[in-house]
Amino acid sequence: AFLIAFTSSFVPRLYYRYTRDNTLSGFVNFTLATSPESYSQQHHNTSCRYQSFRDDKGEYLPEYFHLLAIRLSFVIIFEHVVFFIGRLIDMMVSDIPEEVEMKMKREHYMAKEALAENQVQHLRL
């Protein structure tokens, strides 16, 4: 869940799709930040783009915190879904195979029969 939420673009794409544009046009520009003005001035007025949710001053944008909350929520929801599916499979698949269960019941029945037969023989003596 953490790998999906924090290393892939799955969550940012969903966020962009529901908040901005359903067709994802402009998604790449949405994910790229522009280098601070001090960097641009030092390097002949060229700007650098990098993947982050920051403004021109280097401060985090509100979208960064929205995405962080959504990513953490995704981790919790994904984890609960996985646990639920695992629990469901555990309930559907028995721990003991049917063949072994039948043999255990037969052994238990045979043990009861032997015990009852043994008690009848003691009463006759």
N, C-alpha and C. Protein backbone atom coordinates (compact mmCIF):
# COMPACT_ATOMS: atom_id res chain seq x y z
N ALA A 1 0.83 -1.19 0.00
CA ALA A 1 0.00 0.00 0.00
C ALA A 1 0.87 1.26 0.00
N PHE A 2 1.95 1.24 0.80
CA PHE A 2 2.84 2.40 0.83
C PHE A 2 3.55 2.59 -0.52
N LEU A 3 3.95 1.50 -1.15
CA LEU A 3 4.61 1.61 -2.45
C LEU A 3 3.67 2.20 -3.49
N ILE A 4 2.44 1.74 -3.50
CA ILE A 4 1.46 2.27 -4.46
C ILE A 4 1.19 3.74 -4.17
N ALA A 5 1.00 4.07 -2.92
CA ALA A 5 0.59 5.44 -2.56
C ALA A 5 1.71 6.46 -2.73
N PHE A 6 2.94 6.10 -2.39
CA PHE A 6 4.00 7.11 -2.34
C PHE A 6 5.00 7.05 -3.49
N THR A 7 5.08 5.96 -4.23
CA THR A 7 6.06 5.91 -5.31
C THR A 7 5.43 5.95 -6.69
N SER A 8 4.16 5.63 -6.80
CA SER A 8 3.52 5.67 -8.11
C SER A 8 2.73 6.97 -8.26
N SER A 9 2.28 7.22 -9.46
CA SER A 9 1.48 8.42 -9.71
C SER A 9 -0.01 8.11 -9.67
N PHE A 10 -0.38 6.95 -9.12
CA PHE A 10 -1.77 6.53 -9.06
C PHE A 10 -2.64 7.53 -8.29
N VAL A 11 -2.23 7.87 -7.08
CA VAL A 11 -3.02 8.79 -6.24
C VAL A 11 -3.02 10.21 -6.81
N PRO A 12 -1.87 10.77 -7.23
CA PRO A 12 -1.93 12.11 -7.83
C PRO A 12 -2.80 12.17 -9.10
N ARG A 13 -2.78 11.10 -9.89
CA ARG A 13 -3.62 11.08 -11.09
C ARG A 13 -5.11 11.11 -10.70
N LEU A 14 -5.48 10.30 -9.71
CA LEU A 14 -6.88 10.32 -9.25
C LEU A 14 -7.25 11.69 -8.71
N TYR A 15 -6.37 12.29 -7.94
CA TYR A 15 -6.62 13.62 -7.38
C TYR A 15 -6.82 14.64 -8.50
N TYR A 16 -5.93 14.61 -9.49
CA TYR A 16 -6.04 15.55 -10.60
C TYR A 16 -7.31 15.31 -11.40
N ARG A 17 -7.64 14.05 -11.61
CA ARG A 17 -8.83 13.70 -12.39
C ARG A 17 -10.10 14.23 -11.72
N TYR A 18 -10.17 14.15 -10.41
CA TYR A 18 -11.40 14.56 -9.72
C TYR A 18 -11.43 16.04 -9.35
N THR A 19 -10.27 16.70 -9.30
CA THR A 19 -10.27 18.11 -8.91
C THR A 19 -10.07 19.06 -10.09
N ARG A 20 -9.41 18.61 -11.13
CA ARG A 20 -9.08 19.52 -12.24
C ARG A 20 -9.74 19.10 -13.55
N ASP A 21 -9.16 18.07 -14.18
CA ASP A 21 -9.57 17.71 -15.53
C ASP A 21 -9.69 16.19 -15.63
N ASN A 22 -10.81 15.73 -16.10
CA ASN A 22 -11.07 14.29 -16.19
C ASN A 22 -10.21 13.61 -17.25
N THR A 23 -9.72 14.38 -18.23
CA THR A 23 -8.94 13.79 -19.32
C THR A 23 -7.45 13.73 -19.01
N LEU A 24 -7.02 14.27 -17.91
CA LEU A 24 -5.62 14.30 -17.47
C LEU A 24 -4.73 15.17 -18.36
N SER A 25 -5.32 16.02 -19.17
CA SER A 25 -4.47 16.93 -19.96
C SER A 25 -3.95 18.01 -19.00
N GLY A 26 -2.66 18.19 -18.98
CA GLY A 26 -2.04 19.14 -18.07
C GLY A 26 -1.57 18.50 -16.77
N PHE A 27 -1.67 17.18 -16.67
CA PHE A 27 -1.26 16.50 -15.44
C PHE A 27 0.24 16.66 -15.18
N VAL A 28 1.04 16.57 -16.22
CA VAL A 28 2.50 16.66 -16.04
C VAL A 28 2.87 18.04 -15.51
N ASN A 29 2.29 19.09 -16.06
CA ASN A 29 2.58 20.44 -15.56
C ASN A 29 2.08 20.61 -14.13
N PHE A 30 1.00 19.94 -13.78
CA PHE A 30 0.46 19.99 -12.42
C PHE A 30 1.47 19.42 -11.42
N THR A 31 2.20 18.38 -11.82
CA THR A 31 3.13 17.72 -10.90
C THR A 31 4.51 18.36 -10.87
N LEU A 32 4.80 19.30 -11.77
CA LEU A 32 6.13 19.90 -11.82
C LEU A 32 6.15 21.27 -11.15
N ALA A 33 7.18 21.48 -10.37
CA ALA A 33 7.39 22.77 -9.72
C ALA A 33 8.50 23.51 -10.46
N THR A 34 8.50 24.82 -10.32
CA THR A 34 9.52 25.66 -10.94
C THR A 34 10.58 26.01 -9.91
N SER A 35 11.82 26.04 -10.35
CA SER A 35 12.91 26.34 -9.43
C SER A 35 12.74 27.74 -8.82
N PRO A 36 13.25 27.95 -7.62
CA PRO A 36 13.15 29.27 -6.99
C PRO A 36 13.84 30.34 -7.83
N GLU A 37 13.43 31.58 -7.62
CA GLU A 37 13.97 32.70 -8.39
C GLU A 37 15.47 32.86 -8.18
N SER A 38 15.96 32.55 -7.00
CA SER A 38 17.39 32.69 -6.73
C SER A 38 18.20 31.75 -7.63
N TYR A 39 17.70 30.56 -7.89
CA TYR A 39 18.39 29.62 -8.78
C TYR A 39 18.36 30.15 -10.21
N SER A 40 17.23 30.68 -10.65
CA SER A 40 17.10 31.20 -12.01
C SER A 40 18.05 32.36 -12.25
N GLN A 41 18.22 33.24 -11.27
CA GLN A 41 19.09 34.40 -11.42
C GLN A 41 20.56 33.97 -11.47
N GLN A 42 20.92 32.94 -10.74
CA GLN A 42 22.31 32.48 -10.72
C GLN A 42 22.69 31.78 -12.02
N HIS A 43 21.74 31.19 -12.69
CA HIS A 43 22.03 30.39 -13.88
C HIS A 43 21.46 31.04 -15.15
N HIS A 44 21.75 32.28 -15.38
CA HIS A 44 21.43 33.00 -16.61
C HIS A 44 19.93 33.01 -16.93
N ASN A 45 19.13 33.25 -15.94
CA ASN A 45 17.68 33.38 -16.08
C ASN A 45 17.01 32.18 -16.73
N THR A 46 17.53 31.00 -16.46
CA THR A 46 16.87 29.77 -16.93
C THR A 46 16.18 29.13 -15.75
N SER A 47 15.00 28.65 -15.97
CA SER A 47 14.27 28.00 -14.87
C SER A 47 14.36 26.50 -15.02
N CYS A 48 14.29 25.85 -13.93
CA CYS A 48 14.37 24.40 -13.88
C CYS A 48 13.04 23.87 -13.36
N ARG A 49 12.54 22.81 -13.96
CA ARG A 49 11.30 22.17 -13.49
C ARG A 49 11.65 20.84 -12.85
N TYR A 50 11.03 20.55 -11.73
CA TYR A 50 11.25 19.29 -11.04
C TYR A 50 9.94 18.81 -10.45
N GLN A 51 9.87 17.51 -10.17
CA GLN A 51 8.62 16.93 -9.70
C GLN A 51 8.43 17.21 -8.22
N SER A 52 7.46 18.06 -7.93
CA SER A 52 7.11 18.41 -6.56
C SER A 52 5.90 19.32 -6.59
N PHE A 53 5.31 19.52 -5.44
CA PHE A 53 4.17 20.43 -5.32
C PHE A 53 4.59 21.61 -4.46
N ARG A 54 5.39 22.52 -5.09
CA ARG A 54 5.92 23.69 -4.41
C ARG A 54 5.67 24.92 -5.27
N ASP A 55 5.64 26.07 -4.59
CA ASP A 55 5.48 27.33 -5.32
C ASP A 55 6.86 27.87 -5.72
N ASP A 56 6.90 29.10 -6.26
CA ASP A 56 8.16 29.68 -6.72
C ASP A 56 9.15 29.96 -5.59
N LYS A 57 8.65 30.06 -4.37
CA LYS A 57 9.53 30.31 -3.22
C LYS A 57 10.06 29.03 -2.59
N GLY A 58 9.56 27.88 -3.05
CA GLY A 58 9.98 26.60 -2.49
C GLY A 58 9.08 26.10 -1.37
N GLU A 59 8.00 26.80 -1.10
CA GLU A 59 7.06 26.38 -0.05
C GLU A 59 6.08 25.35 -0.62
N TYR A 60 5.64 24.44 0.24
CA TYR A 60 4.67 23.44 -0.21
C TYR A 60 3.33 24.09 -0.53
N LEU A 61 2.71 23.60 -1.59
CA LEU A 61 1.38 24.06 -1.98
C LEU A 61 0.33 23.30 -1.19
N PRO A 62 -0.89 23.82 -1.10
CA PRO A 62 -1.96 23.08 -0.40
C PRO A 62 -2.21 21.71 -1.02
N GLU A 63 -1.98 21.58 -2.33
CA GLU A 63 -2.18 20.28 -2.99
C GLU A 63 -1.26 19.20 -2.41
N TYR A 64 -0.08 19.61 -1.97
CA TYR A 64 0.85 18.65 -1.37
C TYR A 64 0.23 18.03 -0.12
N PHE A 65 -0.36 18.85 0.72
CA PHE A 65 -0.95 18.35 1.96
C PHE A 65 -2.23 17.57 1.69
N HIS A 66 -2.99 17.99 0.67
CA HIS A 66 -4.17 17.21 0.29
C HIS A 66 -3.75 15.82 -0.17
N LEU A 67 -2.73 15.78 -1.03
CA LEU A 67 -2.26 14.49 -1.52
C LEU A 67 -1.68 13.63 -0.41
N LEU A 68 -0.99 14.25 0.54
CA LEU A 68 -0.44 13.49 1.66
C LEU A 68 -1.55 12.85 2.47
N ALA A 69 -2.60 13.60 2.74
CA ALA A 69 -3.74 13.05 3.49
C ALA A 69 -4.43 11.94 2.70
N ILE A 70 -4.57 12.14 1.40
CA ILE A 70 -5.21 11.12 0.57
C ILE A 70 -4.34 9.87 0.50
N ARG A 71 -3.03 10.04 0.40
CA ARG A 71 -2.13 8.89 0.35
C ARG A 71 -2.20 8.08 1.65
N LEU A 72 -2.19 8.75 2.78
CA LEU A 72 -2.28 8.04 4.06
C LEU A 72 -3.63 7.34 4.20
N SER A 73 -4.69 8.00 3.74
CA SER A 73 -6.02 7.37 3.76
C SER A 73 -6.04 6.16 2.84
N PHE A 74 -5.42 6.27 1.68
CA PHE A 74 -5.35 5.14 0.75
C PHE A 74 -4.64 3.95 1.40
N VAL A 75 -3.55 4.21 2.12
CA VAL A 75 -2.82 3.12 2.78
C VAL A 75 -3.72 2.41 3.78
N ILE A 76 -4.44 3.16 4.58
CA ILE A 76 -5.31 2.55 5.60
C ILE A 76 -6.45 1.77 4.94
N ILE A 77 -7.09 2.36 3.93
CA ILE A 77 -8.20 1.68 3.26
C ILE A 77 -7.70 0.42 2.55
N PHE A 78 -6.59 0.53 1.83
CA PHE A 78 -6.03 -0.61 1.10
C PHE A 78 -5.69 -1.74 2.07
N GLU A 79 -5.08 -1.39 3.19
CA GLU A 79 -4.71 -2.39 4.19
C GLU A 79 -5.95 -3.10 4.73
N HIS A 80 -7.01 -2.36 5.01
CA HIS A 80 -8.22 -2.97 5.52
C HIS A 80 -8.90 -3.86 4.47
N VAL A 81 -8.84 -3.45 3.22
CA VAL A 81 -9.41 -4.29 2.15
C VAL A 81 -8.63 -5.60 2.05
N VAL A 82 -7.31 -5.52 2.11
CA VAL A 82 -6.49 -6.74 2.04
C VAL A 82 -6.78 -7.65 3.23
N PHE A 83 -6.88 -7.09 4.43
CA PHE A 83 -7.20 -7.90 5.60
C PHE A 83 -8.58 -8.53 5.47
N PHE A 84 -9.56 -7.77 4.96
CA PHE A 84 -10.91 -8.30 4.79
C PHE A 84 -10.93 -9.46 3.80
N ILE A 85 -10.23 -9.31 2.68
CA ILE A 85 -10.18 -10.39 1.69
C ILE A 85 -9.49 -11.61 2.26
N GLY A 86 -8.40 -11.40 2.99
CA GLY A 86 -7.71 -12.52 3.64
C GLY A 86 -8.60 -13.24 4.64
N ARG A 87 -9.35 -12.47 5.42
CA ARG A 87 -10.28 -13.05 6.40
C ARG A 87 -11.39 -13.81 5.70
N LEU A 88 -11.90 -13.26 4.60
CA LEU A 88 -12.96 -13.90 3.83
C LEU A 88 -12.47 -15.23 3.26
N ILE A 89 -11.26 -15.25 2.72
CA ILE A 89 -10.69 -16.49 2.19
C ILE A 89 -10.48 -17.49 3.32
N ASP A 90 -10.04 -17.01 4.47
CA ASP A 90 -9.83 -17.88 5.63
C ASP A 90 -11.14 -18.51 6.08
N MET A 91 -12.23 -17.76 6.01
CA MET A 91 -13.53 -18.32 6.41
C MET A 91 -14.07 -19.30 5.36
N MET A 92 -13.79 -19.04 4.10
CA MET A 92 -14.32 -19.88 3.03
C MET A 92 -13.56 -21.21 2.89
N VAL A 93 -12.27 -21.20 3.15
CA VAL A 93 -11.45 -22.40 3.00
C VAL A 93 -11.25 -23.01 4.39
N SER A 94 -11.66 -24.27 4.53
CA SER A 94 -11.54 -24.91 5.86
C SER A 94 -10.08 -25.24 6.15
N ASP A 95 -9.79 -25.31 7.45
CA ASP A 95 -8.42 -25.59 7.88
C ASP A 95 -8.07 -27.07 7.70
N ILE A 96 -9.07 -27.93 7.80
CA ILE A 96 -8.86 -29.37 7.69
C ILE A 96 -9.55 -29.86 6.42
N PRO A 97 -8.84 -30.58 5.55
CA PRO A 97 -9.48 -31.10 4.35
C PRO A 97 -10.64 -32.05 4.71
N GLU A 98 -11.64 -32.11 3.84
CA GLU A 98 -12.84 -32.91 4.11
C GLU A 98 -12.50 -34.38 4.31
N GLU A 99 -11.56 -34.89 3.52
CA GLU A 99 -11.16 -36.29 3.63
C GLU A 99 -10.59 -36.60 5.01
N VAL A 100 -9.73 -35.71 5.51
CA VAL A 100 -9.13 -35.90 6.83
C VAL A 100 -10.19 -35.78 7.92
N GLU A 101 -11.12 -34.84 7.75
CA GLU A 101 -12.19 -34.67 8.73
C GLU A 101 -13.06 -35.92 8.83
N MET A 102 -13.35 -36.55 7.68
CA MET A 102 -14.15 -37.78 7.68
C MET A 102 -13.39 -38.91 8.40
N LYS A 103 -12.08 -39.00 8.16
CA LYS A 103 -11.28 -40.04 8.83
C LYS A 103 -11.23 -39.80 10.33
N MET A 104 -11.16 -38.53 10.75
CA MET A 104 -11.16 -38.23 12.18
C MET A 104 -12.49 -38.61 12.82
N LYS A 105 -13.60 -38.31 12.15
CA LYS A 105 -14.93 -38.68 12.67
C LYS A 105 -15.07 -40.20 12.76
N ARG A 106 -14.55 -40.90 11.76
CA ARG A 106 -14.62 -42.36 11.76
C ARG A 106 -13.81 -42.92 12.92
N GLU A 107 -12.60 -42.37 13.13
CA GLU A 107 -11.77 -42.81 14.25
C GLU A 107 -12.47 -42.56 15.58
N HIS A 108 -13.08 -41.40 15.71
CA HIS A 108 -13.81 -41.07 16.94
C HIS A 108 -14.97 -42.05 17.16
N TYR A 109 -15.69 -42.35 16.08
CA TYR A 109 -16.80 -43.30 16.17
C TYR A 109 -16.29 -44.69 16.55
N MET A 110 -15.19 -45.12 15.92
CA MET A 110 -14.61 -46.44 16.23
C MET A 110 -14.13 -46.50 17.67
N ALA A 111 -13.57 -45.41 18.18
CA ALA A 111 -13.12 -45.38 19.57
C ALA A 111 -14.30 -45.50 20.52
N LYS A 112 -15.42 -44.84 20.21
CA LYS A 112 -16.62 -44.94 21.04
C LYS A 112 -17.18 -46.37 21.02
N GLU A 113 -17.19 -46.97 19.85
CA GLU A 113 -17.67 -48.36 19.72
C GLU A 113 -16.80 -49.32 20.54
N ALA A 114 -15.48 -49.14 20.46
CA ALA A 114 -14.57 -50.00 21.20
C ALA A 114 -14.77 -49.80 22.70
N LEU A 115 -14.97 -48.57 23.14
CA LEU A 115 -15.19 -48.29 24.55
C LEU A 115 -16.50 -48.91 25.03
N ALA A 116 -17.56 -48.80 24.23
CA ALA A 116 -18.86 -49.38 24.59
C ALA A 116 -18.76 -50.90 24.64
N GLU A 117 -18.05 -51.50 23.69
CA GLU A 117 -17.88 -52.96 23.66
C GLU A 117 -17.08 -53.43 24.87
N ASN A 118 -16.06 -52.66 25.24
CA ASN A 118 -15.23 -52.98 26.39
C ASN A 118 -16.05 -52.91 27.68
N GLN A 119 -16.94 -51.92 27.80
CA GLN A 119 -17.78 -51.80 29.00
C GLN A 119 -18.78 -52.94 29.08
N VAL A 120 -19.32 -53.40 27.95
CA VAL A 120 -20.25 -54.53 27.93
C VAL A 120 -19.54 -55.79 28.39
N GLN A 121 -18.32 -56.01 27.97
CA GLN A 121 -17.56 -57.20 28.37
C GLN A 121 -17.26 -57.15 29.86
N HIS A 122 -16.99 -56.00 30.44
CA HIS A 122 -16.74 -55.91 31.88
C HIS A 122 -17.99 -56.17 32.69
N LEU A 123 -19.15 -55.81 32.17
CA LEU A 123 -20.40 -56.05 32.87
C LEU A 123 -20.72 -57.55 32.86
N ARG A 124 -20.36 -58.28 31.82
CA ARG A 124 -20.64 -59.73 31.73
C ARG A 124 -19.77 -60.49 32.70
N LEU A 125 -18.58 -59.99 33.02
CA LEU A 125 -17.67 -60.72 33.90
C LEU A 125 -18.10 -60.48 35.31
